[in-house]
């Protein structure tokens, strides 16, 4: 190998190392931000108490963020109340944010009574920890996140009482009618069979 070929190979190698270092450092790139924006409790089912958690995912970078999926765990009073994941890939455009809703189940009988009392409030102080699984190599394949803050709680509405079948709803301000006794059956003579 002559000196000209060696010099060209060395320059190409240095260029490749410099480019890889610039991408690996991500000096101008910022981590994506994930915030838990709300929790909504549903009626208990066989598998536990279903909870929808709403996330706000922000991309503070000038390039789109390509997320394959992410997993998370929700903590209240330092106790884990459940784990969940978002399996669908998503792209978050540059300098944009996106809302994502994910459902997980709480084993209501396994959490301490102090946590149950907190879950009866309108807002709770909670922590969400998890991992983004990204496409590309800007931050590496796995990017951990943690978000702590006050999260509003929502619950399914109780169904409104509907009027009985065949009756019209009462007009506003109308007095209820007195209940009538059920009509008595007419007396009939017994029937003889021949």
Protein backbone atom coordinates (compact mmCIF):
# COMPACT_ATOMS: atom_id res chain seq x y z
CA UNK A 1 0.00 0.00 0.00
CA UNK A 2 1.54 3.30 -1.02
CA UNK A 3 1.57 6.43 1.12
CA UNK A 4 -1.18 8.14 -0.92
CA UNK A 5 -3.60 5.26 -0.38
CA UNK A 6 -2.73 5.11 3.32
CA UNK A 7 -3.31 8.83 3.71
CA UNK A 8 -6.72 8.62 1.94
CA UNK A 9 -7.75 5.65 4.12
CA UNK A 10 -6.67 7.51 7.28
CA UNK A 11 -8.65 10.64 6.28
CA UNK A 12 -11.74 8.52 5.55
CA UNK A 13 -11.38 6.73 8.91
CA UNK A 14 -11.00 10.02 10.82
CA UNK A 15 -14.04 11.44 9.04
CA UNK A 16 -16.11 8.36 9.97
CA UNK A 17 -14.98 8.52 13.62
CA UNK A 18 -15.77 12.26 13.84
CA UNK A 19 -19.24 11.75 12.32
CA UNK A 20 -19.99 8.83 14.67
CA UNK A 21 -18.83 10.84 17.68
CA UNK A 22 -21.02 13.79 16.71
CA UNK A 23 -24.06 11.54 16.35
CA UNK A 24 -23.26 9.59 19.55
CA UNK A 25 -22.83 12.70 21.68
CA UNK A 26 -26.03 14.30 20.47
CA UNK A 27 -24.65 17.65 21.65
CA UNK A 28 -27.51 19.61 20.08
CA UNK A 29 -30.19 16.97 20.84
CA UNK A 30 -32.44 17.12 23.88
CA UNK A 31 -34.20 14.21 25.52
CA UNK A 32 -37.92 13.85 24.82
CA UNK A 33 -40.17 14.79 27.75
CA UNK A 34 -43.02 12.66 29.03
CA UNK A 35 -45.61 14.01 31.48
CA UNK A 36 -48.54 12.14 33.01
CA UNK A 37 -51.48 14.51 32.42
CA UNK A 38 -54.30 12.54 34.03
CA UNK A 39 -55.60 9.25 35.41
CA UNK A 40 -59.16 8.01 34.87
CA UNK A 41 -60.57 5.13 36.90
CA UNK A 42 -63.21 2.82 35.45
CA UNK A 43 -65.56 0.37 37.12
CA UNK A 44 -63.75 -2.66 38.59
CA UNK A 45 -63.67 -5.77 36.44
CA UNK A 46 -62.50 -9.35 36.82
CA UNK A 47 -58.86 -8.46 36.12
CA UNK A 48 -58.75 -5.48 38.50
CA UNK A 49 -59.49 -1.77 38.44
CA UNK A 50 -58.88 -0.42 34.89
CA UNK A 51 -57.10 2.93 34.76
CA UNK A 52 -56.48 5.10 31.70
CA UNK A 53 -53.35 7.21 32.00
CA UNK A 54 -52.99 10.16 29.62
CA UNK A 55 -49.43 11.06 28.67
CA UNK A 56 -48.14 14.19 26.98
CA UNK A 57 -44.99 13.39 24.97
CA UNK A 58 -42.95 16.39 23.82
CA UNK A 59 -40.14 16.49 21.29
CA UNK A 60 -37.88 19.53 21.94
CA UNK A 61 -35.63 18.75 18.93
CA UNK A 62 -35.47 20.07 15.36
CA UNK A 63 -35.84 16.49 14.04
CA UNK A 64 -38.76 14.09 14.34
CA UNK A 65 -38.64 11.52 17.14
CA UNK A 66 -39.37 7.94 16.06
CA UNK A 67 -40.64 5.93 19.06
CA UNK A 68 -41.16 2.17 18.59
CA UNK A 69 -42.99 1.78 21.93
CA UNK A 70 -42.68 2.66 25.61
CA UNK A 71 -43.35 0.98 28.94
CA UNK A 72 -44.05 2.61 32.30
CA UNK A 73 -44.86 2.06 35.98
CA UNK A 74 -47.01 4.39 38.12
CA UNK A 75 -46.07 5.04 41.78
CA UNK A 76 -48.22 6.67 44.48
CA UNK A 77 -46.69 7.19 47.96
CA UNK A 78 -43.65 5.23 46.73
CA UNK A 79 -45.91 2.20 46.09
CA UNK A 80 -46.32 0.82 42.59
CA UNK A 81 -50.00 0.78 41.63
CA UNK A 82 -49.50 -0.72 38.18
CA UNK A 83 -47.50 -1.18 35.00
CA UNK A 84 -48.46 -0.56 31.40
CA UNK A 85 -47.12 -0.06 27.92
CA UNK A 86 -47.87 1.60 24.60
CA UNK A 87 -47.04 -0.99 21.93
CA UNK A 88 -47.83 1.10 18.85
CA UNK A 89 -45.02 3.04 17.15
CA UNK A 90 -45.41 6.80 16.91
CA UNK A 91 -43.60 9.69 15.32
CA UNK A 92 -43.49 13.01 17.14
CA UNK A 93 -42.67 15.86 14.80
CA UNK A 94 -39.98 18.41 15.58
CA UNK A 95 -40.93 20.82 18.40
CA UNK A 96 -44.36 19.19 18.75
CA UNK A 97 -46.17 17.26 21.43
CA UNK A 98 -48.61 14.40 21.28
CA UNK A 99 -51.14 12.94 23.72
CA UNK A 100 -51.23 9.19 24.24
CA UNK A 101 -53.72 7.23 26.36
CA UNK A 102 -52.78 3.84 27.78
CA UNK A 103 -54.77 1.47 30.01
CA UNK A 104 -53.40 -0.64 32.86
CA UNK A 105 -55.07 -2.59 35.66
CA UNK A 106 -54.63 -2.06 39.39
CA UNK A 107 -54.91 -5.09 41.65
CA UNK A 108 -56.99 -3.12 44.14
CA UNK A 109 -56.65 -5.76 46.88
CA UNK A 110 -52.85 -5.81 46.68
CA UNK A 111 -52.20 -2.11 47.35
CA UNK A 112 -51.97 -0.70 50.90
CA UNK A 113 -54.92 1.07 52.52
CA UNK A 114 -53.03 4.40 52.63
CA UNK A 115 -52.73 4.33 48.84
CA UNK A 116 -56.46 3.48 48.48
CA UNK A 117 -57.29 6.57 50.54
CA UNK A 118 -55.12 8.74 48.29
CA UNK A 119 -56.85 7.34 45.20
CA UNK A 120 -60.19 8.63 46.54
CA UNK A 121 -59.01 12.24 46.15
CA UNK A 122 -59.45 14.50 43.10
CA UNK A 123 -55.69 14.92 42.55
CA UNK A 124 -52.70 12.84 43.55
CA UNK A 125 -48.97 13.32 43.69
CA UNK A 126 -47.61 10.50 41.51
CA UNK A 127 -44.42 9.42 39.79
CA UNK A 128 -44.24 7.66 36.44
CA UNK A 129 -41.04 5.82 35.50
CA UNK A 130 -40.41 3.99 32.29
CA UNK A 131 -38.42 3.50 29.12
CA UNK A 132 -38.76 4.77 25.56
CA UNK A 133 -37.64 2.30 22.89
CA UNK A 134 -36.45 4.44 19.99
CA UNK A 135 -35.58 3.82 16.38
CA UNK A 136 -32.23 5.26 15.34
CA UNK A 137 -29.10 5.80 17.38
CA UNK A 138 -29.33 9.43 18.49
CA UNK A 139 -29.87 8.54 22.17
CA UNK A 140 -29.41 4.78 21.97
CA UNK A 141 -32.14 2.19 21.67
CA UNK A 142 -33.52 2.60 25.22
CA UNK A 143 -34.13 5.93 26.89
CA UNK A 144 -35.35 5.96 30.52
CA UNK A 145 -37.73 8.67 31.73
CA UNK A 146 -39.25 9.80 35.01
CA UNK A 147 -42.03 12.29 35.63
CA UNK A 148 -43.30 13.46 39.02
CA UNK A 149 -46.19 15.81 39.62
CA UNK A 150 -49.76 16.36 40.66
CA UNK A 151 -52.11 14.40 38.41
CA UNK A 152 -55.88 15.00 38.23
CA UNK A 153 -58.04 11.92 38.77
CA UNK A 154 -61.21 11.17 36.85
CA UNK A 155 -63.84 8.49 37.33
CA UNK A 156 -66.58 6.97 35.23
CA UNK A 157 -69.85 8.85 35.67
CA UNK A 158 -72.65 7.04 37.48
CA UNK A 159 -75.49 6.31 35.05
CA UNK A 160 -78.43 8.68 35.49
CA UNK A 161 -81.66 7.18 36.82
CA UNK A 162 -83.99 6.66 33.86
CA UNK A 163 -87.79 6.80 34.25
CA UNK A 164 -89.62 3.49 34.28
CA UNK A 165 -90.74 2.12 30.92
CA UNK A 166 -93.97 3.66 29.66
CA UNK A 167 -93.75 6.78 31.83
CA UNK A 168 -92.83 10.28 30.80
CA UNK A 169 -90.19 12.19 32.73
CA UNK A 170 -91.60 14.75 35.17
CA UNK A 171 -91.52 18.40 34.19
CA UNK A 172 -89.04 20.55 36.14
CA UNK A 173 -90.65 21.87 39.33
CA UNK A 174 -93.66 19.52 39.11
CA UNK A 175 -94.88 17.84 42.28
CA UNK A 176 -94.70 14.06 42.29
CA UNK A 177 -98.05 12.31 41.94
CA UNK A 178 -99.29 10.20 44.82
CA UNK A 179 -98.77 6.53 44.16
CA UNK A 180 -101.96 4.66 43.34
CA UNK A 181 -102.53 1.24 44.75
CA UNK A 182 -102.44 -1.62 42.29
CA UNK A 183 -105.91 -2.59 40.94
CA UNK A 184 -107.53 -5.62 42.60
CA UNK A 185 -108.36 -8.58 40.43
CA UNK A 186 -112.11 -9.21 39.89
CA UNK A 187 -113.58 -12.17 41.67
CA UNK A 188 -114.60 -14.92 39.31
CA UNK A 189 -116.44 -18.07 40.01
CA UNK A 190 -114.33 -21.17 39.84
CA UNK A 191 -114.52 -23.03 36.59
CA UNK A 192 -115.44 -26.71 36.67
CA UNK A 193 -113.86 -29.10 34.29
CA UNK A 194 -116.10 -31.77 32.83
